[in-house]
Amino acid sequence: MSAGRLVILGAGGHGRVVSEIAQLMKRWAIVSLFDDRSTADTGPWAVVGDAAAFERAASDGDDVFVAIGDNAARADWIARLLARGAGLVTLVHPNAVVSSFATLGPGCMVAAGAVINAGARLGSGCIVNTSSSVDHDCVLGSTVHVSPGAHLGGGVHVGDRAWVGIGAAIRHGIQIGHDAVVGAGAAVVKDVPGAHVVAGTPAARLKGVDA
């Protein structure tokens, strides 16, 4: 394990998953959690400060990661950190498979069992969650969340802050707009405009419901 500290904003369930991935990577001597909501111990990773303390740590040169599940909130934090030149890192579980020909932006997390294939390009702050897959030549914008067990066929494009629900399947070549939400278990066979919410098999827009 190398010297140095990784500071993580967010101590909820996502933050604990992120912390374990960081520990398994054996890159940092210290992994510290920060969260406004709690000062309680969260398993082996104690909360050591609030968001303001996290920002100070980021300014002091520590490596940083934003472990906030909400896409819009994560996007705001990542934009602030990148603007100040903070050391935003990407975390990949040792049991994930990421092609050496894929590109991951800063602040991404790739969970256990996930697969990212050749030619895929991920923007900053994406979450590729447990046992999900992003196939060849997919393009994900910033702060996209691909939920556990979701699968993207080749050449799928997903806009900024979009959310692909647990167990969803997206046919190759589909375009998912920014801020769109794909419901759990949906089968997406046609393009989804920005800020639309779709669900079902085949997926259709939920009328009167916007993301």
N, C-alpha and C. Protein backbone atom coordinates (compact mmCIF):
# COMPACT_ATOMS: atom_id res chain seq x y z
N MET A 1 0.85 -1.20 0.00
CA MET A 1 0.00 0.00 0.00
C MET A 1 0.88 1.24 0.00
N SER A 2 0.60 2.16 -0.89
CA SER A 2 1.41 3.36 -0.98
C SER A 2 1.01 4.35 0.09
N ALA A 3 1.86 5.34 0.29
CA ALA A 3 1.54 6.40 1.23
C ALA A 3 0.48 7.30 0.63
N GLY A 4 -0.08 8.17 1.47
CA GLY A 4 -1.07 9.12 1.00
C GLY A 4 -2.45 8.80 1.52
N ARG A 5 -3.35 9.75 1.34
CA ARG A 5 -4.71 9.61 1.85
C ARG A 5 -5.72 9.84 0.75
N LEU A 6 -6.78 9.06 0.77
CA LEU A 6 -7.93 9.28 -0.08
C LEU A 6 -9.07 9.78 0.79
N VAL A 7 -9.64 10.93 0.44
CA VAL A 7 -10.77 11.48 1.18
C VAL A 7 -12.03 11.32 0.34
N ILE A 8 -13.08 10.80 0.96
CA ILE A 8 -14.31 10.43 0.26
C ILE A 8 -15.47 11.22 0.85
N LEU A 9 -16.22 11.90 0.00
CA LEU A 9 -17.42 12.61 0.43
C LEU A 9 -18.63 11.70 0.26
N GLY A 10 -19.29 11.37 1.38
CA GLY A 10 -20.45 10.51 1.35
C GLY A 10 -20.23 9.26 2.17
N ALA A 11 -21.04 9.08 3.22
CA ALA A 11 -20.85 7.95 4.14
C ALA A 11 -22.06 7.04 4.19
N GLY A 12 -22.92 7.12 3.16
CA GLY A 12 -24.05 6.20 3.08
C GLY A 12 -23.61 4.85 2.54
N GLY A 13 -24.57 4.07 2.08
CA GLY A 13 -24.24 2.75 1.54
C GLY A 13 -23.27 2.83 0.38
N HIS A 14 -23.48 3.79 -0.52
CA HIS A 14 -22.57 3.95 -1.66
C HIS A 14 -21.17 4.30 -1.18
N GLY A 15 -21.09 5.16 -0.18
CA GLY A 15 -19.79 5.54 0.36
C GLY A 15 -19.04 4.36 0.96
N ARG A 16 -19.76 3.45 1.59
CA ARG A 16 -19.10 2.28 2.17
C ARG A 16 -18.61 1.33 1.08
N VAL A 17 -19.40 1.17 0.01
CA VAL A 17 -18.94 0.36 -1.12
C VAL A 17 -17.68 0.97 -1.72
N VAL A 18 -17.71 2.27 -1.94
CA VAL A 18 -16.57 2.98 -2.49
C VAL A 18 -15.34 2.81 -1.60
N SER A 19 -15.54 2.93 -0.29
CA SER A 19 -14.42 2.82 0.65
C SER A 19 -13.78 1.43 0.59
N GLU A 20 -14.62 0.41 0.46
CA GLU A 20 -14.06 -0.94 0.38
C GLU A 20 -13.27 -1.12 -0.92
N ILE A 21 -13.78 -0.60 -2.03
CA ILE A 21 -13.04 -0.69 -3.29
C ILE A 21 -11.68 -0.01 -3.14
N ALA A 22 -11.67 1.17 -2.54
CA ALA A 22 -10.41 1.89 -2.35
C ALA A 22 -9.44 1.07 -1.50
N GLN A 23 -9.96 0.44 -0.46
CA GLN A 23 -9.11 -0.38 0.39
C GLN A 23 -8.53 -1.56 -0.38
N LEU A 24 -9.37 -2.21 -1.19
CA LEU A 24 -8.92 -3.37 -1.97
C LEU A 24 -7.88 -2.99 -3.02
N MET A 25 -7.94 -1.76 -3.51
CA MET A 25 -6.97 -1.31 -4.50
C MET A 25 -5.56 -1.15 -3.92
N LYS A 26 -5.46 -1.02 -2.60
CA LYS A 26 -4.17 -0.95 -1.88
C LYS A 26 -3.27 0.17 -2.41
N ARG A 27 -3.90 1.29 -2.71
CA ARG A 27 -3.15 2.43 -3.24
C ARG A 27 -2.91 3.51 -2.18
N TRP A 28 -3.79 3.54 -1.16
CA TRP A 28 -3.71 4.60 -0.17
C TRP A 28 -3.45 4.03 1.22
N ALA A 29 -2.66 4.75 2.02
CA ALA A 29 -2.40 4.34 3.39
C ALA A 29 -3.60 4.63 4.28
N ILE A 30 -4.35 5.68 3.94
CA ILE A 30 -5.49 6.11 4.76
C ILE A 30 -6.67 6.38 3.84
N VAL A 31 -7.85 5.89 4.23
CA VAL A 31 -9.11 6.20 3.54
C VAL A 31 -10.03 6.85 4.56
N SER A 32 -10.44 8.10 4.33
CA SER A 32 -11.24 8.85 5.29
C SER A 32 -12.57 9.28 4.67
N LEU A 33 -13.64 9.12 5.44
CA LEU A 33 -14.98 9.50 5.01
C LEU A 33 -15.40 10.84 5.60
N PHE A 34 -16.11 11.62 4.79
CA PHE A 34 -16.65 12.91 5.22
C PHE A 34 -18.13 12.95 4.86
N ASP A 35 -18.94 13.51 5.77
CA ASP A 35 -20.39 13.57 5.51
C ASP A 35 -21.01 14.56 6.48
N ASP A 36 -21.91 15.41 5.98
CA ASP A 36 -22.61 16.36 6.85
C ASP A 36 -23.62 15.70 7.77
N ARG A 37 -24.08 14.53 7.40
CA ARG A 37 -25.26 13.96 8.08
C ARG A 37 -24.93 13.16 9.33
N SER A 38 -23.69 12.76 9.51
CA SER A 38 -23.41 11.83 10.60
C SER A 38 -21.97 11.91 11.03
N THR A 39 -21.75 11.73 12.32
CA THR A 39 -20.40 11.58 12.84
C THR A 39 -20.21 10.19 13.42
N ALA A 40 -21.18 9.29 13.18
CA ALA A 40 -21.11 7.93 13.71
C ALA A 40 -20.14 7.08 12.90
N ASP A 41 -19.65 6.03 13.54
CA ASP A 41 -18.78 5.09 12.84
C ASP A 41 -19.62 4.30 11.83
N THR A 42 -19.10 4.14 10.63
CA THR A 42 -19.80 3.37 9.58
C THR A 42 -18.95 2.16 9.24
N GLY A 43 -19.02 1.17 10.09
CA GLY A 43 -18.17 -0.01 9.92
C GLY A 43 -16.72 0.37 10.20
N PRO A 44 -15.80 -0.10 9.39
CA PRO A 44 -14.38 0.19 9.65
C PRO A 44 -13.96 1.60 9.24
N TRP A 45 -14.88 2.37 8.63
CA TRP A 45 -14.52 3.70 8.12
C TRP A 45 -15.28 4.76 8.89
N ALA A 46 -14.61 5.38 9.83
CA ALA A 46 -15.25 6.42 10.63
C ALA A 46 -15.41 7.70 9.83
N VAL A 47 -16.49 8.43 10.09
CA VAL A 47 -16.68 9.76 9.51
C VAL A 47 -15.81 10.73 10.30
N VAL A 48 -14.90 11.40 9.62
CA VAL A 48 -13.93 12.24 10.32
C VAL A 48 -14.20 13.73 10.15
N GLY A 49 -15.21 14.09 9.35
CA GLY A 49 -15.49 15.50 9.16
C GLY A 49 -16.68 15.72 8.26
N ASP A 50 -17.04 17.00 8.08
CA ASP A 50 -18.19 17.35 7.25
C ASP A 50 -17.72 17.76 5.85
N ALA A 51 -18.67 18.27 5.05
CA ALA A 51 -18.34 18.62 3.67
C ALA A 51 -17.32 19.74 3.60
N ALA A 52 -17.39 20.69 4.53
CA ALA A 52 -16.42 21.79 4.54
C ALA A 52 -15.01 21.26 4.80
N ALA A 53 -14.90 20.29 5.71
CA ALA A 53 -13.60 19.68 5.99
C ALA A 53 -13.10 18.89 4.78
N PHE A 54 -14.03 18.27 4.06
CA PHE A 54 -13.67 17.56 2.83
C PHE A 54 -13.06 18.53 1.81
N GLU A 55 -13.69 19.69 1.65
CA GLU A 55 -13.16 20.67 0.71
C GLU A 55 -11.77 21.15 1.10
N ARG A 56 -11.55 21.32 2.40
CA ARG A 56 -10.22 21.73 2.85
C ARG A 56 -9.19 20.65 2.54
N ALA A 57 -9.58 19.38 2.78
CA ALA A 57 -8.67 18.27 2.49
C ALA A 57 -8.35 18.20 0.99
N ALA A 58 -9.37 18.45 0.16
CA ALA A 58 -9.14 18.46 -1.29
C ALA A 58 -8.16 19.55 -1.69
N SER A 59 -8.26 20.70 -1.01
CA SER A 59 -7.35 21.81 -1.30
C SER A 59 -5.94 21.54 -0.80
N ASP A 60 -5.82 20.65 0.18
CA ASP A 60 -4.51 20.33 0.76
C ASP A 60 -3.73 19.30 -0.04
N GLY A 61 -4.33 18.79 -1.11
CA GLY A 61 -3.60 17.89 -1.98
C GLY A 61 -3.91 16.42 -1.81
N ASP A 62 -4.84 16.07 -0.92
CA ASP A 62 -5.24 14.67 -0.81
C ASP A 62 -5.96 14.23 -2.08
N ASP A 63 -5.89 12.94 -2.40
CA ASP A 63 -6.73 12.38 -3.45
C ASP A 63 -8.18 12.43 -2.99
N VAL A 64 -9.12 12.64 -3.91
CA VAL A 64 -10.51 12.83 -3.53
C VAL A 64 -11.44 11.98 -4.38
N PHE A 65 -12.60 11.67 -3.80
CA PHE A 65 -13.64 10.93 -4.51
C PHE A 65 -15.00 11.37 -3.96
N VAL A 66 -15.98 11.49 -4.86
CA VAL A 66 -17.33 11.89 -4.46
C VAL A 66 -18.23 10.65 -4.51
N ALA A 67 -18.65 10.18 -3.33
CA ALA A 67 -19.48 8.97 -3.23
C ALA A 67 -20.91 9.35 -2.89
N ILE A 68 -21.51 10.11 -3.79
CA ILE A 68 -22.91 10.54 -3.64
C ILE A 68 -23.70 9.90 -4.76
N GLY A 69 -24.75 9.16 -4.41
CA GLY A 69 -25.52 8.44 -5.42
C GLY A 69 -26.34 9.33 -6.32
N ASP A 70 -26.86 10.43 -5.80
CA ASP A 70 -27.69 11.33 -6.59
C ASP A 70 -26.84 11.95 -7.71
N ASN A 71 -27.26 11.75 -8.95
CA ASN A 71 -26.44 12.18 -10.08
C ASN A 71 -26.21 13.69 -10.13
N ALA A 72 -27.27 14.47 -9.89
CA ALA A 72 -27.14 15.92 -9.99
C ALA A 72 -26.22 16.45 -8.90
N ALA A 73 -26.38 15.96 -7.67
CA ALA A 73 -25.52 16.41 -6.57
C ALA A 73 -24.08 16.00 -6.81
N ARG A 74 -23.87 14.79 -7.31
CA ARG A 74 -22.51 14.34 -7.62
C ARG A 74 -21.89 15.20 -8.71
N ALA A 75 -22.69 15.55 -9.71
CA ALA A 75 -22.20 16.40 -10.81
C ALA A 75 -21.75 17.76 -10.29
N ASP A 76 -22.52 18.35 -9.38
CA ASP A 76 -22.15 19.66 -8.83
C ASP A 76 -20.81 19.60 -8.11
N TRP A 77 -20.64 18.59 -7.27
CA TRP A 77 -19.40 18.45 -6.52
C TRP A 77 -18.21 18.20 -7.46
N ILE A 78 -18.39 17.34 -8.42
CA ILE A 78 -17.29 17.01 -9.32
C ILE A 78 -16.89 18.24 -10.14
N ALA A 79 -17.85 19.02 -10.58
CA ALA A 79 -17.53 20.24 -11.32
C ALA A 79 -16.71 21.20 -10.46
N ARG A 80 -17.08 21.33 -9.19
CA ARG A 80 -16.34 22.21 -8.28
C ARG A 80 -14.91 21.72 -8.09
N LEU A 81 -14.77 20.40 -7.90
CA LEU A 81 -13.44 19.84 -7.64
C LEU A 81 -12.54 19.94 -8.87
N LEU A 82 -13.10 19.65 -10.06
CA LEU A 82 -12.30 19.76 -11.27
C LEU A 82 -11.90 21.20 -11.55
N ALA A 83 -12.79 22.15 -11.24
CA ALA A 83 -12.48 23.56 -11.47
C ALA A 83 -11.30 24.03 -10.64
N ARG A 84 -11.13 23.46 -9.46
CA ARG A 84 -10.02 23.87 -8.59
C ARG A 84 -8.81 22.97 -8.74
N GLY A 85 -8.86 22.00 -9.67
CA GLY A 85 -7.72 21.15 -9.92
C GLY A 85 -7.47 20.10 -8.86
N ALA A 86 -8.51 19.69 -8.16
CA ALA A 86 -8.37 18.68 -7.10
C ALA A 86 -7.99 17.33 -7.70
N GLY A 87 -7.38 16.48 -6.89
CA GLY A 87 -6.91 15.17 -7.34
C GLY A 87 -8.00 14.13 -7.37
N LEU A 88 -8.96 14.30 -8.27
CA LEU A 88 -10.10 13.40 -8.37
C LEU A 88 -9.66 12.07 -8.99
N VAL A 89 -9.91 10.97 -8.29
CA VAL A 89 -9.43 9.66 -8.75
C VAL A 89 -10.59 8.80 -9.24
N THR A 90 -10.25 7.75 -9.98
CA THR A 90 -11.21 6.74 -10.42
C THR A 90 -10.93 5.45 -9.68
N LEU A 91 -12.00 4.77 -9.24
CA LEU A 91 -11.87 3.55 -8.44
C LEU A 91 -12.46 2.37 -9.21
N VAL A 92 -11.68 1.31 -9.32
CA VAL A 92 -12.09 0.11 -10.04
C VAL A 92 -11.89 -1.10 -9.14
N HIS A 93 -12.95 -1.83 -8.87
CA HIS A 93 -12.86 -3.02 -8.03
C HIS A 93 -11.94 -4.05 -8.69
N PRO A 94 -11.12 -4.75 -7.90
CA PRO A 94 -10.23 -5.75 -8.49
C PRO A 94 -10.95 -6.85 -9.26
N ASN A 95 -12.22 -7.09 -8.95
CA ASN A 95 -12.98 -8.12 -9.65
C ASN A 95 -13.81 -7.58 -10.80
N ALA A 96 -13.59 -6.33 -11.19
CA ALA A 96 -14.20 -5.78 -12.40
C ALA A 96 -13.27 -6.03 -13.57
N VAL A 97 -13.85 -5.98 -14.78
CA VAL A 97 -13.06 -6.14 -16.01
C VAL A 97 -13.21 -4.87 -16.84
N VAL A 98 -12.12 -4.14 -17.00
CA VAL A 98 -12.13 -2.91 -17.78
C VAL A 98 -11.10 -3.04 -18.89
N SER A 99 -11.56 -2.96 -20.13
CA SER A 99 -10.65 -3.07 -21.26
C SER A 99 -9.57 -1.99 -21.21
N SER A 100 -8.38 -2.37 -21.62
CA SER A 100 -7.31 -1.38 -21.71
C SER A 100 -7.57 -0.39 -22.85
N PHE A 101 -8.57 -0.68 -23.68
CA PHE A 101 -8.94 0.21 -24.77
C PHE A 101 -10.20 1.02 -24.45
N ALA A 102 -10.64 0.97 -23.19
CA ALA A 102 -11.74 1.82 -22.72
C ALA A 102 -11.15 3.05 -22.04
N THR A 103 -11.94 4.12 -21.96
CA THR A 103 -11.50 5.36 -21.33
C THR A 103 -12.46 5.74 -20.22
N LEU A 104 -11.93 5.93 -19.01
CA LEU A 104 -12.75 6.32 -17.86
C LEU A 104 -12.32 7.70 -17.40
N GLY A 105 -13.28 8.60 -17.28
CA GLY A 105 -12.99 9.93 -16.79
C GLY A 105 -12.72 9.95 -15.30
N PRO A 106 -12.26 11.09 -14.77
CA PRO A 106 -11.98 11.18 -13.34
C PRO A 106 -13.23 11.04 -12.51
N GLY A 107 -13.09 10.40 -11.34
CA GLY A 107 -14.21 10.28 -10.41
C GLY A 107 -15.17 9.17 -10.71
N CYS A 108 -14.84 8.27 -11.66
CA CYS A 108 -15.71 7.13 -11.94
C CYS A 108 -15.51 6.02 -10.91
N MET A 109 -16.55 5.21 -10.71
CA MET A 109 -16.46 4.02 -9.89
C MET A 109 -16.95 2.83 -10.69
N VAL A 110 -16.18 1.74 -10.70
CA VAL A 110 -16.56 0.50 -11.36
C VAL A 110 -16.60 -0.59 -10.29
N ALA A 111 -17.77 -1.16 -10.05
CA ALA A 111 -17.99 -2.07 -8.94
C ALA A 111 -17.64 -3.51 -9.31
N ALA A 112 -17.71 -4.38 -8.31
CA ALA A 112 -17.38 -5.79 -8.48
C ALA A 112 -18.25 -6.44 -9.55
N GLY A 113 -17.62 -7.23 -10.42
CA GLY A 113 -18.35 -7.98 -11.44
C GLY A 113 -18.75 -7.18 -12.65
N ALA A 114 -18.47 -5.89 -12.67
CA ALA A 114 -18.83 -5.07 -13.83
C ALA A 114 -17.84 -5.31 -14.97
N VAL A 115 -18.32 -5.09 -16.20
CA VAL A 115 -17.48 -5.26 -17.39
C VAL A 115 -17.63 -4.02 -18.27
N ILE A 116 -16.49 -3.46 -18.67
CA ILE A 116 -16.48 -2.34 -19.61
C ILE A 116 -15.58 -2.74 -20.77
N ASN A 117 -16.15 -2.78 -21.95
CA ASN A 117 -15.43 -3.35 -23.09
C ASN A 117 -14.73 -2.30 -23.95
N ALA A 118 -13.97 -2.79 -24.92
CA ALA A 118 -13.10 -1.96 -25.75
C ALA A 118 -13.87 -0.85 -26.46
N GLY A 119 -13.26 0.33 -26.46
CA GLY A 119 -13.84 1.46 -27.17
C GLY A 119 -14.86 2.25 -26.37
N ALA A 120 -15.25 1.76 -25.20
CA ALA A 120 -16.20 2.50 -24.36
C ALA A 120 -15.53 3.75 -23.81
N ARG A 121 -16.30 4.83 -23.71
CA ARG A 121 -15.78 6.09 -23.18
C ARG A 121 -16.74 6.62 -22.13
N LEU A 122 -16.25 6.81 -20.92
CA LEU A 122 -17.06 7.27 -19.80
C LEU A 122 -16.59 8.64 -19.37
N GLY A 123 -17.54 9.55 -19.19
CA GLY A 123 -17.22 10.87 -18.68
C GLY A 123 -16.94 10.85 -17.19
N SER A 124 -16.74 12.02 -16.62
CA SER A 124 -16.38 12.11 -15.21
C SER A 124 -17.54 11.65 -14.33
N GLY A 125 -17.19 11.02 -13.21
CA GLY A 125 -18.15 10.73 -12.15
C GLY A 125 -19.18 9.66 -12.46
N CYS A 126 -18.93 8.80 -13.42
CA CYS A 126 -19.89 7.73 -13.73
C CYS A 126 -19.82 6.61 -12.70
N ILE A 127 -20.95 5.96 -12.47
CA ILE A 127 -21.03 4.76 -11.64
C ILE A 127 -21.43 3.60 -12.54
N VAL A 128 -20.57 2.58 -12.61
CA VAL A 128 -20.91 1.33 -13.30
C VAL A 128 -21.00 0.30 -12.19
N ASN A 129 -22.20 -0.02 -11.81
CA ASN A 129 -22.43 -0.72 -10.55
C ASN A 129 -22.32 -2.24 -10.70
N THR A 130 -22.60 -2.94 -9.61
CA THR A 130 -22.32 -4.36 -9.47
C THR A 130 -22.89 -5.20 -10.61
N SER A 131 -22.02 -5.99 -11.25
CA SER A 131 -22.41 -6.96 -12.28
C SER A 131 -23.16 -6.33 -13.45
N SER A 132 -22.89 -5.07 -13.74
CA SER A 132 -23.45 -4.43 -14.93
C SER A 132 -22.42 -4.49 -16.06
N SER A 133 -22.85 -4.14 -17.27
CA SER A 133 -21.92 -4.16 -18.38
C SER A 133 -22.15 -2.99 -19.33
N VAL A 134 -21.04 -2.47 -19.83
CA VAL A 134 -21.02 -1.39 -20.81
C VAL A 134 -20.23 -1.93 -21.99
N ASP A 135 -20.90 -2.20 -23.09
CA ASP A 135 -20.24 -2.91 -24.18
C ASP A 135 -19.43 -1.97 -25.07
N HIS A 136 -18.87 -2.55 -26.12
CA HIS A 136 -17.93 -1.84 -26.98
C HIS A 136 -18.52 -0.55 -27.54
N ASP A 137 -17.70 0.48 -27.55
CA ASP A 137 -18.00 1.76 -28.22
C ASP A 137 -19.17 2.52 -27.61
N CYS A 138 -19.58 2.16 -26.40
CA CYS A 138 -20.58 2.98 -25.71
C CYS A 138 -19.95 4.31 -25.30
N VAL A 139 -20.77 5.35 -25.23
CA VAL A 139 -20.32 6.66 -24.77
C VAL A 139 -21.26 7.12 -23.67
N LEU A 140 -20.71 7.28 -22.47
CA LEU A 140 -21.48 7.76 -21.33
C LEU A 140 -21.03 9.17 -20.99
N GLY A 141 -21.99 10.07 -20.83
CA GLY A 141 -21.67 11.43 -20.42
C GLY A 141 -21.22 11.48 -18.98
N SER A 142 -21.17 12.66 -18.41
CA SER A 142 -20.73 12.80 -17.03
C SER A 142 -21.82 12.36 -16.06
N THR A 143 -21.39 11.80 -14.94
CA THR A 143 -22.22 11.39 -13.80
C THR A 143 -23.43 10.55 -14.19
N VAL A 144 -23.23 9.64 -15.12
CA VAL A 144 -24.23 8.62 -15.45
C VAL A 144 -24.15 7.50 -14.41
N HIS A 145 -25.30 6.92 -14.07
CA HIS A 145 -25.32 5.76 -13.16
C HIS A 145 -25.92 4.57 -13.90
N VAL A 146 -25.10 3.53 -14.09
CA VAL A 146 -25.56 2.25 -14.63
C VAL A 146 -25.73 1.32 -13.43
N SER A 147 -26.97 1.02 -13.07
CA SER A 147 -27.28 0.32 -11.83
C SER A 147 -26.90 -1.16 -11.88
N PRO A 148 -26.91 -1.83 -10.72
CA PRO A 148 -26.55 -3.25 -10.68
C PRO A 148 -27.34 -4.09 -11.68
N GLY A 149 -26.62 -4.95 -12.39
CA GLY A 149 -27.26 -5.89 -13.31
C GLY A 149 -27.81 -5.28 -14.57
N ALA A 150 -27.54 -4.01 -14.85
CA ALA A 150 -28.00 -3.38 -16.09
C ALA A 150 -26.96 -3.64 -17.19
N HIS A 151 -27.44 -3.70 -18.44
CA HIS A 151 -26.55 -4.05 -19.54
C HIS A 151 -26.80 -3.13 -20.73
N LEU A 152 -25.71 -2.54 -21.24
CA LEU A 152 -25.76 -1.67 -22.40
C LEU A 152 -25.12 -2.38 -23.58
N GLY A 153 -25.85 -2.52 -24.67
CA GLY A 153 -25.29 -3.11 -25.88
C GLY A 153 -24.27 -2.18 -26.52
N GLY A 154 -23.62 -2.66 -27.56
CA GLY A 154 -22.57 -1.89 -28.21
C GLY A 154 -23.08 -0.58 -28.79
N GLY A 155 -22.26 0.46 -28.68
CA GLY A 155 -22.55 1.74 -29.31
C GLY A 155 -23.67 2.53 -28.70
N VAL A 156 -24.09 2.21 -27.48
CA VAL A 156 -25.13 2.98 -26.80
C VAL A 156 -24.53 4.31 -26.33
N HIS A 157 -25.29 5.40 -26.51
CA HIS A 157 -24.88 6.71 -26.02
C HIS A 157 -25.83 7.13 -24.90
N VAL A 158 -25.27 7.55 -23.78
CA VAL A 158 -26.07 7.93 -22.61
C VAL A 158 -25.67 9.34 -22.21
N GLY A 159 -26.65 10.24 -22.10
CA GLY A 159 -26.38 11.64 -21.79
C GLY A 159 -26.05 11.88 -20.33
N ASP A 160 -25.56 13.09 -20.07
CA ASP A 160 -25.16 13.47 -18.72
C ASP A 160 -26.29 13.22 -17.70
N ARG A 161 -25.88 12.72 -16.55
CA ARG A 161 -26.74 12.55 -15.37
C ARG A 161 -27.89 11.56 -15.57
N ALA A 162 -27.88 10.80 -16.65
CA ALA A 162 -28.94 9.80 -16.86
C ALA A 162 -28.75 8.64 -15.89
N TRP A 163 -29.85 7.96 -15.60
CA TRP A 163 -29.85 6.84 -14.66
C TRP A 163 -30.45 5.62 -15.36
N VAL A 164 -29.70 4.53 -15.41
CA VAL A 164 -30.17 3.27 -15.98
C VAL A 164 -30.46 2.34 -14.81
N GLY A 165 -31.72 1.98 -14.63
CA GLY A 165 -32.17 1.25 -13.45
C GLY A 165 -31.67 -0.18 -13.37
N ILE A 166 -31.82 -0.75 -12.21
CA ILE A 166 -31.33 -2.10 -11.92
C ILE A 166 -31.95 -3.11 -12.89
N GLY A 167 -31.10 -3.94 -13.48
CA GLY A 167 -31.58 -5.00 -14.36
C GLY A 167 -32.09 -4.56 -15.71
N ALA A 168 -31.92 -3.29 -16.07
CA ALA A 168 -32.39 -2.82 -17.38
C ALA A 168 -31.47 -3.32 -18.49
N ALA A 169 -32.02 -3.41 -19.70
CA ALA A 169 -31.24 -3.81 -20.87
C ALA A 169 -31.48 -2.80 -21.98
N ILE A 170 -30.40 -2.32 -22.59
CA ILE A 170 -30.50 -1.30 -23.63
C ILE A 170 -29.90 -1.86 -24.92
N ARG A 171 -30.72 -1.92 -25.96
CA ARG A 171 -30.30 -2.47 -27.25
C ARG A 171 -29.16 -1.65 -27.84
N HIS A 172 -28.33 -2.32 -28.63
CA HIS A 172 -27.17 -1.66 -29.24
C HIS A 172 -27.61 -0.45 -30.06
N GLY A 173 -26.79 0.59 -30.03
CA GLY A 173 -26.99 1.77 -30.85
C GLY A 173 -28.02 2.75 -30.34
N ILE A 174 -28.62 2.49 -29.18
CA ILE A 174 -29.67 3.36 -28.64
C ILE A 174 -29.05 4.65 -28.08
N GLN A 175 -29.84 5.75 -28.17
CA GLN A 175 -29.45 7.04 -27.59
C GLN A 175 -30.34 7.32 -26.39
N ILE A 176 -29.72 7.55 -25.23
CA ILE A 176 -30.43 7.93 -24.01
C ILE A 176 -30.08 9.37 -23.71
N GLY A 177 -31.06 10.24 -23.61
CA GLY A 177 -30.80 11.66 -23.42
C GLY A 177 -30.35 12.03 -22.02
N HIS A 178 -29.88 13.25 -21.89
CA HIS A 178 -29.42 13.74 -20.59
C HIS A 178 -30.57 13.73 -19.58
N ASP A 179 -30.26 13.39 -18.33
CA ASP A 179 -31.21 13.39 -17.21
C ASP A 179 -32.35 12.40 -17.37
N ALA A 180 -32.27 11.51 -18.34
CA ALA A 180 -33.33 10.50 -18.50
C ALA A 180 -33.20 9.44 -17.41
N VAL A 181 -34.31 8.74 -17.16
CA VAL A 181 -34.33 7.64 -16.20
C VAL A 181 -34.93 6.42 -16.90
N VAL A 182 -34.18 5.32 -16.86
CA VAL A 182 -34.65 4.03 -17.38
C VAL A 182 -35.03 3.16 -16.19
N GLY A 183 -36.27 2.75 -16.11
CA GLY A 183 -36.77 2.03 -14.95
C GLY A 183 -36.14 0.65 -14.79
N ALA A 184 -36.26 0.12 -13.58
CA ALA A 184 -35.73 -1.20 -13.27
C ALA A 184 -36.34 -2.25 -14.19
N GLY A 185 -35.49 -3.11 -14.74
CA GLY A 185 -35.95 -4.21 -15.59
C GLY A 185 -36.46 -3.82 -16.95
N ALA A 186 -36.32 -2.57 -17.33
CA ALA A 186 -36.83 -2.12 -18.63
C ALA A 186 -36.00 -2.69 -19.78
N ALA A 187 -36.65 -2.90 -20.92
CA ALA A 187 -35.96 -3.31 -22.14
C ALA A 187 -36.09 -2.16 -23.14
N VAL A 188 -35.01 -1.45 -23.37
CA VAL A 188 -35.04 -0.24 -24.18
C VAL A 188 -34.66 -0.59 -25.62
N VAL A 189 -35.61 -0.40 -26.54
CA VAL A 189 -35.38 -0.76 -27.94
C VAL A 189 -35.53 0.44 -28.87
N LYS A 190 -35.79 1.63 -28.31
CA LYS A 190 -35.81 2.84 -29.12
C LYS A 190 -35.25 3.99 -28.27
N ASP A 191 -34.85 5.06 -28.94
CA ASP A 191 -34.18 6.16 -28.26
C ASP A 191 -35.07 6.78 -27.19
N VAL A 192 -34.42 7.32 -26.14
CA VAL A 192 -35.12 7.96 -25.03
C VAL A 192 -34.69 9.43 -24.99
N PRO A 193 -35.61 10.38 -25.19
CA PRO A 193 -35.24 11.79 -25.15
C PRO A 193 -34.80 12.22 -23.75
N GLY A 194 -34.11 13.36 -23.70
CA GLY A 194 -33.66 13.88 -22.42
C GLY A 194 -34.79 14.13 -21.45
N ALA A 195 -34.53 13.85 -20.16
CA ALA A 195 -35.45 14.09 -19.04
C ALA A 195 -36.72 13.25 -19.09
N HIS A 196 -36.77 12.24 -19.97
CA HIS A 196 -37.91 11.33 -19.99
C HIS A 196 -37.68 10.18 -19.02
N VAL A 197 -38.77 9.64 -18.50
CA VAL A 197 -38.72 8.45 -17.67
C VAL A 197 -39.41 7.33 -18.43
N VAL A 198 -38.71 6.21 -18.64
CA VAL A 198 -39.29 5.09 -19.37
C VAL A 198 -39.23 3.84 -18.50
N ALA A 199 -40.16 2.93 -18.73
CA ALA A 199 -40.20 1.68 -17.97
C ALA A 199 -40.93 0.64 -18.80
N GLY A 200 -40.77 -0.63 -18.42
CA GLY A 200 -41.52 -1.71 -19.05
C GLY A 200 -40.74 -2.43 -20.13
N THR A 201 -41.43 -3.42 -20.74
CA THR A 201 -40.85 -4.26 -21.78
C THR A 201 -41.84 -4.39 -22.94
N PRO A 202 -41.60 -3.74 -24.07
CA PRO A 202 -40.50 -2.80 -24.31
C PRO A 202 -40.74 -1.49 -23.55
N ALA A 203 -39.67 -0.76 -23.28
CA ALA A 203 -39.76 0.45 -22.48
C ALA A 203 -40.59 1.51 -23.21
N ALA A 204 -41.44 2.18 -22.43
CA ALA A 204 -42.26 3.28 -22.95
C ALA A 204 -42.27 4.40 -21.93
N ARG A 205 -42.53 5.61 -22.40
CA ARG A 205 -42.52 6.77 -21.50
C ARG A 205 -43.67 6.68 -20.51
N LEU A 206 -43.36 7.03 -19.27
CA LEU A 206 -44.39 7.16 -18.26
C LEU A 206 -44.97 8.57 -18.36
N LYS A 207 -46.16 8.68 -18.89
CA LYS A 207 -46.75 10.00 -19.14
C LYS A 207 -47.00 10.74 -17.83
N GLY A 208 -46.69 12.01 -17.86
CA GLY A 208 -46.88 12.85 -16.68
C GLY A 208 -45.76 12.72 -15.67
N VAL A 209 -44.76 11.95 -15.98
CA VAL A 209 -43.61 11.76 -15.08
C VAL A 209 -42.36 12.17 -15.82
N ASP A 210 -41.66 13.20 -15.32
CA ASP A 210 -40.40 13.62 -15.91
C ASP A 210 -39.29 13.45 -14.89
N ALA A 211 -38.09 13.24 -15.39
CA ALA A 211 -36.93 13.08 -14.49
C ALA A 211 -36.56 14.41 -13.86
